[in-house]
Amino acid sequence: MSFLSKLFGGGDKAESAPAGDKALDQESYKGFLIKAIEMRAGSEYQLAGTIEKEIAGELKSYKFVRADRMSSKDDLISMALGKGRQIVDEQGDKMFS
């Protein structure tokens, strides 16, 4: 990749794209299923996850990605599940609207 592309935001697309939304861990919380998702950002992991709930027979899903990065998969799992619980507490079913 050329110097100018890197300088002006033409970074490596594989770096910012989700790695197939591979769930590293999950937990049930207040009727929601929270999953920590593997999202690579170079040699680090970027905080990402999904929150799912079945409403009126339909599976609803909400994906979140945050700017936080870490080098440990265990840290990623802990932070993603914690962020998912925070989103559920703050928004509840409204996140699917």
PDB file of N, CA and C in Angstrom:
ATOM      1  N   MET A   1       0.850  -1.175   0.000  1.00  0.00           N
ATOM      2  CA  MET A   1       0.000   0.000   0.000  1.00  0.00           C
ATOM      3  C   MET A   1       0.893   1.234   0.000  1.00  0.00           C
ATOM      4  N   SER A   2       0.515   2.237  -0.745  1.00  0.00           N
ATOM      5  CA  SER A   2       1.353   3.422  -0.875  1.00  0.00           C
ATOM      6  C   SER A   2       1.307   4.275   0.388  1.00  0.00           C
ATOM      7  N   PHE A   3       2.334   5.091   0.528  1.00  0.00           N
ATOM      8  CA  PHE A   3       2.439   5.990   1.666  1.00  0.00           C
ATOM      9  C   PHE A   3       1.237   6.934   1.727  1.00  0.00           C
ATOM     10  N   LEU A   4       0.812   7.486   0.595  1.00  0.00           N
ATOM     11  CA  LEU A   4      -0.298   8.438   0.580  1.00  0.00           C
ATOM     12  C   LEU A   4      -1.620   7.772   0.962  1.00  0.00           C
ATOM     13  N   SER A   5      -1.819   6.537   0.545  1.00  0.00           N
ATOM     14  CA  SER A   5      -3.039   5.830   0.925  1.00  0.00           C
ATOM     15  C   SER A   5      -3.120   5.652   2.432  1.00  0.00           C
ATOM     16  N   LYS A   6      -2.008   5.273   3.032  1.00  0.00           N
ATOM     17  CA  LYS A   6      -1.974   5.109   4.483  1.00  0.00           C
ATOM     18  C   LYS A   6      -2.181   6.444   5.188  1.00  0.00           C
ATOM     19  N   LEU A   7      -1.558   7.481   4.670  1.00  0.00           N
ATOM     20  CA  LEU A   7      -1.640   8.796   5.283  1.00  0.00           C
ATOM     21  C   LEU A   7      -3.064   9.351   5.263  1.00  0.00           C
ATOM     22  N   PHE A   8      -3.789   9.117   4.184  1.00  0.00           N
ATOM     23  CA  PHE A   8      -5.120   9.696   4.036  1.00  0.00           C
ATOM     24  C   PHE A   8      -6.249   8.706   4.261  1.00  0.00           C
ATOM     25  N   GLY A   9      -6.009   7.676   5.043  1.00  0.00           N
ATOM     26  CA  GLY A   9      -7.092   6.806   5.481  1.00  0.00           C
ATOM     27  C   GLY A   9      -7.380   5.624   4.595  1.00  0.00           C
ATOM     28  N   GLY A  10      -6.552   5.297   3.671  1.00  0.00           N
ATOM     29  CA  GLY A  10      -6.785   4.127   2.829  1.00  0.00           C
ATOM     30  C   GLY A  10      -6.151   2.898   3.440  1.00  0.00           C
ATOM     31  N   GLY A  11      -6.358   2.689   4.727  1.00  0.00           N
ATOM     32  CA  GLY A  11      -5.728   1.589   5.457  1.00  0.00           C
ATOM     33  C   GLY A  11      -6.149   0.229   4.953  1.00  0.00           C
ATOM     34  N   ASP A  12      -5.506  -0.774   5.466  1.00  0.00           N
ATOM     35  CA  ASP A  12      -5.775  -2.159   5.093  1.00  0.00           C
ATOM     36  C   ASP A  12      -7.192  -2.545   5.480  1.00  0.00           C
ATOM     37  N   LYS A  13      -8.008  -2.897   4.506  1.00  0.00           N
ATOM     38  CA  LYS A  13      -9.409  -3.228   4.776  1.00  0.00           C
ATOM     39  C   LYS A  13      -9.549  -4.464   5.650  1.00  0.00           C
ATOM     40  N   ALA A  14      -8.672  -5.424   5.526  1.00  0.00           N
ATOM     41  CA  ALA A  14      -8.752  -6.635   6.334  1.00  0.00           C
ATOM     42  C   ALA A  14      -8.555  -6.311   7.814  1.00  0.00           C
ATOM     43  N   GLU A  15      -7.841  -5.241   8.095  1.00  0.00           N
ATOM     44  CA  GLU A  15      -7.588  -4.861   9.470  1.00  0.00           C
ATOM     45  C   GLU A  15      -8.851  -4.407  10.180  1.00  0.00           C
ATOM     46  N   SER A  16      -9.743  -3.701   9.489  1.00  0.00           N
ATOM     47  CA  SER A  16     -10.911  -3.147  10.144  1.00  0.00           C
ATOM     48  C   SER A  16     -12.165  -3.993   9.963  1.00  0.00           C
ATOM     49  N   ALA A  17     -12.118  -4.986   9.129  1.00  0.00           N
ATOM     50  CA  ALA A  17     -13.300  -5.814   8.893  1.00  0.00           C
ATOM     51  C   ALA A  17     -13.417  -6.901   9.954  1.00  0.00           C
ATOM     52  N   PRO A  18     -14.645  -7.247  10.357  1.00  0.00           N
ATOM     53  CA  PRO A  18     -14.816  -8.314  11.331  1.00  0.00           C
ATOM     54  C   PRO A  18     -14.304  -9.642  10.785  1.00  0.00           C
ATOM     55  N   ALA A  19     -13.734 -10.445  11.652  1.00  0.00           N
ATOM     56  CA  ALA A  19     -13.199 -11.752  11.256  1.00  0.00           C
ATOM     57  C   ALA A  19     -14.297 -12.794  11.291  1.00  0.00           C
ATOM     58  N   GLY A  20     -15.311 -12.637  10.458  1.00  0.00           N
ATOM     59  CA  GLY A  20     -16.384 -13.613  10.386  1.00  0.00           C
ATOM     60  C   GLY A  20     -17.269 -13.637  11.615  1.00  0.00           C
ATOM     61  N   ASP A  21     -17.234 -12.592  12.416  1.00  0.00           N
ATOM     62  CA  ASP A  21     -18.047 -12.515  13.629  1.00  0.00           C
ATOM     63  C   ASP A  21     -17.924 -13.769  14.486  1.00  0.00           C
ATOM     64  N   LYS A  22     -16.714 -14.196  14.733  1.00  0.00           N
ATOM     65  CA  LYS A  22     -16.457 -15.374  15.555  1.00  0.00           C
ATOM     66  C   LYS A  22     -16.736 -15.038  17.016  1.00  0.00           C
ATOM     67  N   ALA A  23     -17.720 -15.714  17.597  1.00  0.00           N
ATOM     68  CA  ALA A  23     -18.050 -15.498  19.003  1.00  0.00           C
ATOM     69  C   ALA A  23     -17.020 -16.208  19.873  1.00  0.00           C
ATOM     70  N   LEU A  24     -16.387 -15.452  20.769  1.00  0.00           N
ATOM     71  CA  LEU A  24     -15.378 -16.006  21.660  1.00  0.00           C
ATOM     72  C   LEU A  24     -15.996 -16.531  22.948  1.00  0.00           C
ATOM     73  N   ASP A  25     -17.068 -15.913  23.401  1.00  0.00           N
ATOM     74  CA  ASP A  25     -17.767 -16.323  24.617  1.00  0.00           C
ATOM     75  C   ASP A  25     -19.138 -15.659  24.602  1.00  0.00           C
ATOM     76  N   GLN A  26     -20.029 -16.156  25.440  1.00  0.00           N
ATOM     77  CA  GLN A  26     -21.365 -15.579  25.523  1.00  0.00           C
ATOM     78  C   GLN A  26     -21.930 -15.791  26.915  1.00  0.00           C
ATOM     79  N   GLU A  27     -22.950 -14.979  27.252  1.00  0.00           N
ATOM     80  CA  GLU A  27     -23.635 -15.139  28.525  1.00  0.00           C
ATOM     81  C   GLU A  27     -25.065 -14.644  28.398  1.00  0.00           C
ATOM     82  N   SER A  28     -25.945 -15.215  29.188  1.00  0.00           N
ATOM     83  CA  SER A  28     -27.327 -14.742  29.278  1.00  0.00           C
ATOM     84  C   SER A  28     -27.384 -13.688  30.364  1.00  0.00           C
ATOM     85  N   TYR A  29     -28.130 -12.620  30.082  1.00  0.00           N
ATOM     86  CA  TYR A  29     -28.256 -11.524  31.036  1.00  0.00           C
ATOM     87  C   TYR A  29     -29.615 -10.870  30.854  1.00  0.00           C
ATOM     88  N   LYS A  30     -30.468 -10.963  31.867  1.00  0.00           N
ATOM     89  CA  LYS A  30     -31.797 -10.343  31.872  1.00  0.00           C
ATOM     90  C   LYS A  30     -32.610 -10.691  30.625  1.00  0.00           C
ATOM     91  N   GLY A  31     -32.522 -11.931  30.166  1.00  0.00           N
ATOM     92  CA  GLY A  31     -33.285 -12.368  28.998  1.00  0.00           C
ATOM     93  C   GLY A  31     -32.618 -12.105  27.662  1.00  0.00           C
ATOM     94  N   PHE A  32     -31.449 -11.507  27.661  1.00  0.00           N
ATOM     95  CA  PHE A  32     -30.679 -11.219  26.451  1.00  0.00           C
ATOM     96  C   PHE A  32     -29.503 -12.184  26.376  1.00  0.00           C
ATOM     97  N   LEU A  33     -29.025 -12.452  25.172  1.00  0.00           N
ATOM     98  CA  LEU A  33     -27.816 -13.236  24.973  1.00  0.00           C
ATOM     99  C   LEU A  33     -26.734 -12.284  24.470  1.00  0.00           C
ATOM    100  N   ILE A  34     -25.667 -12.139  25.249  1.00  0.00           N
ATOM    101  CA  ILE A  34     -24.565 -11.241  24.902  1.00  0.00           C
ATOM    102  C   ILE A  34     -23.397 -12.094  24.438  1.00  0.00           C
ATOM    103  N   LYS A  35     -22.820 -11.739  23.284  1.00  0.00           N
ATOM    104  CA  LYS A  35     -21.685 -12.473  22.731  1.00  0.00           C
ATOM    105  C   LYS A  35     -20.504 -11.529  22.529  1.00  0.00           C
ATOM    106  N   ALA A  36     -19.326 -11.964  22.972  1.00  0.00           N
ATOM    107  CA  ALA A  36     -18.085 -11.244  22.688  1.00  0.00           C
ATOM    108  C   ALA A  36     -17.596 -11.715  21.323  1.00  0.00           C
ATOM    109  N   ILE A  37     -17.374 -10.782  20.412  1.00  0.00           N
ATOM    110  CA  ILE A  37     -17.013 -11.096  19.031  1.00  0.00           C
ATOM    111  C   ILE A  37     -15.541 -10.774  18.784  1.00  0.00           C
ATOM    112  N   GLU A  38     -14.857 -11.685  18.099  1.00  0.00           N
ATOM    113  CA  GLU A  38     -13.458 -11.442  17.734  1.00  0.00           C
ATOM    114  C   GLU A  38     -13.404 -10.471  16.564  1.00  0.00           C
ATOM    115  N   MET A  39     -12.792  -9.325  16.797  1.00  0.00           N
ATOM    116  CA  MET A  39     -12.577  -8.340  15.739  1.00  0.00           C
ATOM    117  C   MET A  39     -11.128  -7.888  15.861  1.00  0.00           C
ATOM    118  N   ARG A  40     -10.336  -8.220  14.865  1.00  0.00           N
ATOM    119  CA  ARG A  40      -8.910  -7.887  14.895  1.00  0.00           C
ATOM    120  C   ARG A  40      -8.683  -6.479  14.365  1.00  0.00           C
ATOM    121  N   ALA A  41      -7.729  -5.810  14.977  1.00  0.00           N
ATOM    122  CA  ALA A  41      -7.275  -4.504  14.519  1.00  0.00           C
ATOM    123  C   ALA A  41      -5.758  -4.585  14.523  1.00  0.00           C
ATOM    124  N   GLY A  42      -5.204  -5.072  13.435  1.00  0.00           N
ATOM    125  CA  GLY A  42      -3.767  -5.322  13.381  1.00  0.00           C
ATOM    126  C   GLY A  42      -3.428  -6.476  14.306  1.00  0.00           C
ATOM    127  N   SER A  43      -2.518  -6.245  15.234  1.00  0.00           N
ATOM    128  CA  SER A  43      -2.130  -7.298  16.173  1.00  0.00           C
ATOM    129  C   SER A  43      -2.967  -7.259  17.451  1.00  0.00           C
ATOM    130  N   GLU A  44      -3.923  -6.333  17.527  1.00  0.00           N
ATOM    131  CA  GLU A  44      -4.764  -6.191  18.712  1.00  0.00           C
ATOM    132  C   GLU A  44      -6.194  -6.647  18.423  1.00  0.00           C
ATOM    133  N   TYR A  45      -6.983  -6.695  19.480  1.00  0.00           N
ATOM    134  CA  TYR A  45      -8.411  -6.982  19.379  1.00  0.00           C
ATOM    135  C   TYR A  45      -9.174  -5.697  19.636  1.00  0.00           C
ATOM    136  N   GLN A  46     -10.248  -5.490  18.868  1.00  0.00           N
ATOM    137  CA  GLN A  46     -11.102  -4.333  19.074  1.00  0.00           C
ATOM    138  C   GLN A  46     -12.364  -4.787  19.779  1.00  0.00           C
ATOM    139  N   LEU A  47     -12.841  -3.982  20.712  1.00  0.00           N
ATOM    140  CA  LEU A  47     -14.017  -4.319  21.508  1.00  0.00           C
ATOM    141  C   LEU A  47     -15.252  -4.392  20.606  1.00  0.00           C
ATOM    142  N   ALA A  48     -15.861  -5.578  20.535  1.00  0.00           N
ATOM    143  CA  ALA A  48     -17.045  -5.773  19.697  1.00  0.00           C
ATOM    144  C   ALA A  48     -17.882  -6.907  20.258  1.00  0.00           C
ATOM    145  N   GLY A  49     -19.177  -6.838  19.995  1.00  0.00           N
ATOM    146  CA  GLY A  49     -20.064  -7.897  20.451  1.00  0.00           C
ATOM    147  C   GLY A  49     -21.443  -7.771  19.838  1.00  0.00           C
ATOM    148  N   THR A  50     -22.285  -8.729  20.158  1.00  0.00           N
ATOM    149  CA  THR A  50     -23.680  -8.687  19.730  1.00  0.00           C
ATOM    150  C   THR A  50     -24.565  -8.961  20.938  1.00  0.00           C
ATOM    151  N   ILE A  51     -25.773  -8.424  20.859  1.00  0.00           N
ATOM    152  CA  ILE A  51     -26.795  -8.660  21.873  1.00  0.00           C
ATOM    153  C   ILE A  51     -28.013  -9.180  21.126  1.00  0.00           C
ATOM    154  N   GLU A  52     -28.539 -10.309  21.565  1.00  0.00           N
ATOM    155  CA  GLU A  52     -29.679 -10.926  20.894  1.00  0.00           C
ATOM    156  C   GLU A  52     -30.806 -11.182  21.881  1.00  0.00           C
ATOM    157  N   LYS A  53     -32.028 -11.132  21.352  1.00  0.00           N
ATOM    158  CA  LYS A  53     -33.204 -11.464  22.150  1.00  0.00           C
ATOM    159  C   LYS A  53     -34.335 -11.836  21.198  1.00  0.00           C
ATOM    160  N   GLU A  54     -35.095 -12.822  21.584  1.00  0.00           N
ATOM    161  CA  GLU A  54     -36.264 -13.188  20.794  1.00  0.00           C
ATOM    162  C   GLU A  54     -37.443 -12.363  21.287  1.00  0.00           C
ATOM    163  N   ILE A  55     -38.049 -11.623  20.353  1.00  0.00           N
ATOM    164  CA  ILE A  55     -39.194 -10.770  20.657  1.00  0.00           C
ATOM    165  C   ILE A  55     -40.307 -11.121  19.682  1.00  0.00           C
ATOM    166  N   ALA A  56     -41.452 -11.517  20.221  1.00  0.00           N
ATOM    167  CA  ALA A  56     -42.624 -11.896  19.418  1.00  0.00           C
ATOM    168  C   ALA A  56     -42.259 -12.950  18.370  1.00  0.00           C
ATOM    169  N   GLY A  57     -41.451 -13.918  18.762  1.00  0.00           N
ATOM    170  CA  GLY A  57     -41.085 -15.010  17.868  1.00  0.00           C
ATOM    171  C   GLY A  57     -40.007 -14.683  16.851  1.00  0.00           C
ATOM    172  N   GLU A  58     -39.468 -13.468  16.894  1.00  0.00           N
ATOM    173  CA  GLU A  58     -38.429 -13.058  15.947  1.00  0.00           C
ATOM    174  C   GLU A  58     -37.132 -12.760  16.698  1.00  0.00           C
ATOM    175  N   LEU A  59     -36.013 -13.317  16.218  1.00  0.00           N
ATOM    176  CA  LEU A  59     -34.722 -13.076  16.844  1.00  0.00           C
ATOM    177  C   LEU A  59     -34.193 -11.709  16.411  1.00  0.00           C
ATOM    178  N   LYS A  60     -34.034 -10.822  17.380  1.00  0.00           N
ATOM    179  CA  LYS A  60     -33.497  -9.482  17.129  1.00  0.00           C
ATOM    180  C   LYS A  60     -32.026  -9.489  17.520  1.00  0.00           C
ATOM    181  N   SER A  61     -31.216  -8.736  16.782  1.00  0.00           N
ATOM    182  CA  SER A  61     -29.791  -8.695  17.048  1.00  0.00           C
ATOM    183  C   SER A  61     -29.283  -7.254  16.967  1.00  0.00           C
ATOM    184  N   TYR A  62     -28.401  -6.896  17.896  1.00  0.00           N
ATOM    185  CA  TYR A  62     -27.795  -5.564  17.935  1.00  0.00           C
ATOM    186  C   TYR A  62     -26.294  -5.758  18.015  1.00  0.00           C
ATOM    187  N   LYS A  63     -25.549  -5.166  17.100  1.00  0.00           N
ATOM    188  CA  LYS A  63     -24.091  -5.289  17.090  1.00  0.00           C
ATOM    189  C   LYS A  63     -23.487  -3.992  17.590  1.00  0.00           C
ATOM    190  N   PHE A  64     -22.486  -4.118  18.459  1.00  0.00           N
ATOM    191  CA  PHE A  64     -21.776  -2.937  18.920  1.00  0.00           C
ATOM    192  C   PHE A  64     -20.278  -3.101  18.691  1.00  0.00           C
ATOM    193  N   VAL A  65     -19.644  -1.985  18.334  1.00  0.00           N
ATOM    194  CA  VAL A  65     -18.192  -1.920  18.130  1.00  0.00           C
ATOM    195  C   VAL A  65     -17.725  -0.640  18.806  1.00  0.00           C
ATOM    196  N   ARG A  66     -16.714  -0.746  19.626  1.00  0.00           N
ATOM    197  CA  ARG A  66     -16.166   0.404  20.332  1.00  0.00           C
ATOM    198  C   ARG A  66     -14.711   0.608  19.928  1.00  0.00           C
ATOM    199  N   ALA A  67     -14.179   1.765  20.192  1.00  0.00           N
ATOM    200  CA  ALA A  67     -12.808   2.096  19.798  1.00  0.00           C
ATOM    201  C   ALA A  67     -11.759   1.418  20.676  1.00  0.00           C
ATOM    202  N   ASP A  68     -12.157   0.911  21.830  1.00  0.00           N
ATOM    203  CA  ASP A  68     -11.202   0.296  22.753  1.00  0.00           C
ATOM    204  C   ASP A  68     -10.479  -0.877  22.092  1.00  0.00           C
ATOM    205  N   ARG A  69      -9.169  -0.948  22.319  1.00  0.00           N
ATOM    206  CA  ARG A  69      -8.364  -2.054  21.795  1.00  0.00           C
ATOM    207  C   ARG A  69      -7.550  -2.659  22.915  1.00  0.00           C
ATOM    208  N   MET A  70      -7.309  -3.956  22.808  1.00  0.00           N
ATOM    209  CA  MET A  70      -6.520  -4.655  23.818  1.00  0.00           C
ATOM    210  C   MET A  70      -5.730  -5.775  23.160  1.00  0.00           C
ATOM    211  N   SER A  71      -4.703  -6.244  23.830  1.00  0.00           N
ATOM    212  CA  SER A  71      -3.854  -7.288  23.260  1.00  0.00           C
ATOM    213  C   SER A  71      -4.262  -8.684  23.700  1.00  0.00           C
ATOM    214  N   SER A  72      -5.082  -8.796  24.732  1.00  0.00           N
ATOM    215  CA  SER A  72      -5.452 -10.090  25.295  1.00  0.00           C
ATOM    216  C   SER A  72      -6.887 -10.477  24.930  1.00  0.00           C
ATOM    217  N   LYS A  73      -7.056 -11.716  24.493  1.00  0.00           N
ATOM    218  CA  LYS A  73      -8.390 -12.230  24.192  1.00  0.00           C
ATOM    219  C   LYS A  73      -9.251 -12.266  25.457  1.00  0.00           C
ATOM    220  N   ASP A  74      -8.646 -12.625  26.589  1.00  0.00           N
ATOM    221  CA  ASP A  74      -9.384 -12.668  27.852  1.00  0.00           C
ATOM    222  C   ASP A  74      -9.897 -11.284  28.247  1.00  0.00           C
ATOM    223  N   ASP A  75      -9.078 -10.252  28.036  1.00  0.00           N
ATOM    224  CA  ASP A  75      -9.513  -8.879  28.321  1.00  0.00           C
ATOM    225  C   ASP A  75     -10.656  -8.487  27.393  1.00  0.00           C
ATOM    226  N   LEU A  76     -10.550  -8.868  26.132  1.00  0.00           N
ATOM    227  CA  LEU A  76     -11.604  -8.579  25.165  1.00  0.00           C
ATOM    228  C   LEU A  76     -12.927  -9.193  25.615  1.00  0.00           C
ATOM    229  N   ILE A  77     -12.901 -10.453  25.991  1.00  0.00           N
ATOM    230  CA  ILE A  77     -14.119 -11.147  26.410  1.00  0.00           C
ATOM    231  C   ILE A  77     -14.742 -10.445  27.615  1.00  0.00           C
ATOM    232  N   SER A  78     -13.937 -10.174  28.615  1.00  0.00           N
ATOM    233  CA  SER A  78     -14.424  -9.522  29.828  1.00  0.00           C
ATOM    234  C   SER A  78     -15.033  -8.151  29.530  1.00  0.00           C
ATOM    235  N   MET A  79     -14.342  -7.350  28.731  1.00  0.00           N
ATOM    236  CA  MET A  79     -14.825  -6.001  28.422  1.00  0.00           C
ATOM    237  C   MET A  79     -16.062  -6.018  27.528  1.00  0.00           C
ATOM    238  N   ALA A  80     -16.089  -6.924  26.552  1.00  0.00           N
ATOM    239  CA  ALA A  80     -17.238  -6.988  25.634  1.00  0.00           C
ATOM    240  C   ALA A  80     -18.496  -7.433  26.378  1.00  0.00           C
ATOM    241  N   LEU A  81     -18.387  -8.433  27.237  1.00  0.00           N
ATOM    242  CA  LEU A  81     -19.552  -8.883  27.996  1.00  0.00           C
ATOM    243  C   LEU A  81     -20.007  -7.795  28.968  1.00  0.00           C
ATOM    244  N   GLY A  82     -19.057  -7.097  29.575  1.00  0.00           N
ATOM    245  CA  GLY A  82     -19.406  -5.990  30.465  1.00  0.00           C
ATOM    246  C   GLY A  82     -20.094  -4.856  29.725  1.00  0.00           C
ATOM    247  N   LYS A  83     -19.592  -4.499  28.548  1.00  0.00           N
ATOM    248  CA  LYS A  83     -20.212  -3.448  27.739  1.00  0.00           C
ATOM    249  C   LYS A  83     -21.613  -3.872  27.294  1.00  0.00           C
ATOM    250  N   GLY A  84     -21.775  -5.149  26.958  1.00  0.00           N
ATOM    251  CA  GLY A  84     -23.096  -5.660  26.591  1.00  0.00           C
ATOM    252  C   GLY A  84     -24.089  -5.532  27.746  1.00  0.00           C
ATOM    253  N   ARG A  85     -23.660  -5.864  28.969  1.00  0.00           N
ATOM    254  CA  ARG A  85     -24.537  -5.718  30.145  1.00  0.00           C
ATOM    255  C   ARG A  85     -24.908  -4.253  30.358  1.00  0.00           C
ATOM    256  N   GLN A  86     -23.942  -3.356  30.155  1.00  0.00           N
ATOM    257  CA  GLN A  86     -24.211  -1.924  30.307  1.00  0.00           C
ATOM    258  C   GLN A  86     -25.254  -1.456  29.280  1.00  0.00           C
ATOM    259  N   ILE A  87     -25.122  -1.884  28.044  1.00  0.00           N
ATOM    260  CA  ILE A  87     -26.079  -1.500  26.997  1.00  0.00           C
ATOM    261  C   ILE A  87     -27.473  -2.021  27.330  1.00  0.00           C
ATOM    262  N   VAL A  88     -27.556  -3.273  27.796  1.00  0.00           N
ATOM    263  CA  VAL A  88     -28.858  -3.851  28.180  1.00  0.00           C
ATOM    264  C   VAL A  88     -29.467  -3.039  29.316  1.00  0.00           C
ATOM    265  N   ASP A  89     -28.670  -2.698  30.327  1.00  0.00           N
ATOM    266  CA  ASP A  89     -29.177  -1.926  31.462  1.00  0.00           C
ATOM    267  C   ASP A  89     -29.660  -0.545  31.047  1.00  0.00           C
ATOM    268  N   GLU A  90     -28.961   0.098  30.114  1.00  0.00           N
ATOM    269  CA  GLU A  90     -29.304   1.456  29.697  1.00  0.00           C
ATOM    270  C   GLU A  90     -30.451   1.495  28.683  1.00  0.00           C
ATOM    271  N   GLN A  91     -30.512   0.511  27.766  1.00  0.00           N
ATOM    272  CA  GLN A  91     -31.453   0.612  26.652  1.00  0.00           C
ATOM    273  C   GLN A  91     -32.558  -0.446  26.669  1.00  0.00           C
ATOM    274  N   GLY A  92     -32.277  -1.616  27.217  1.00  0.00           N
ATOM    275  CA  GLY A  92     -33.267  -2.685  27.208  1.00  0.00           C
ATOM    276  C   GLY A  92     -33.724  -3.001  25.783  1.00  0.00           C
ATOM    277  N   ASP A  93     -35.003  -3.304  25.626  1.00  0.00           N
ATOM    278  CA  ASP A  93     -35.562  -3.664  24.321  1.00  0.00           C
ATOM    279  C   ASP A  93     -35.528  -2.505  23.314  1.00  0.00           C
ATOM    280  N   LYS A  94     -35.360  -1.274  23.784  1.00  0.00           N
ATOM    281  CA  LYS A  94     -35.346  -0.096  22.886  1.00  0.00           C
ATOM    282  C   LYS A  94     -34.195  -0.146  21.876  1.00  0.00           C
ATOM    283  N   MET A  95     -33.136  -0.921  22.185  1.00  0.00           N
ATOM    284  CA  MET A  95     -31.995  -0.959  21.254  1.00  0.00           C
ATOM    285  C   MET A  95     -32.387  -1.573  19.912  1.00  0.00           C
ATOM    286  N   PHE A  96     -33.480  -2.318  19.871  1.00  0.00           N
ATOM    287  CA  PHE A  96     -33.905  -2.967  18.634  1.00  0.00           C
ATOM    288  C   PHE A  96     -34.869  -2.110  17.820  1.00  0.00           C
ATOM    289  N   SER A  97     -35.219  -0.936  18.305  1.00  0.00           N
ATOM    290  CA  SER A  97     -36.180  -0.062  17.604  1.00  0.00           C
ATOM    291  C   SER A  97     -35.523   0.679  16.462  1.00  0.00           C
TER     292      SER A  97
END
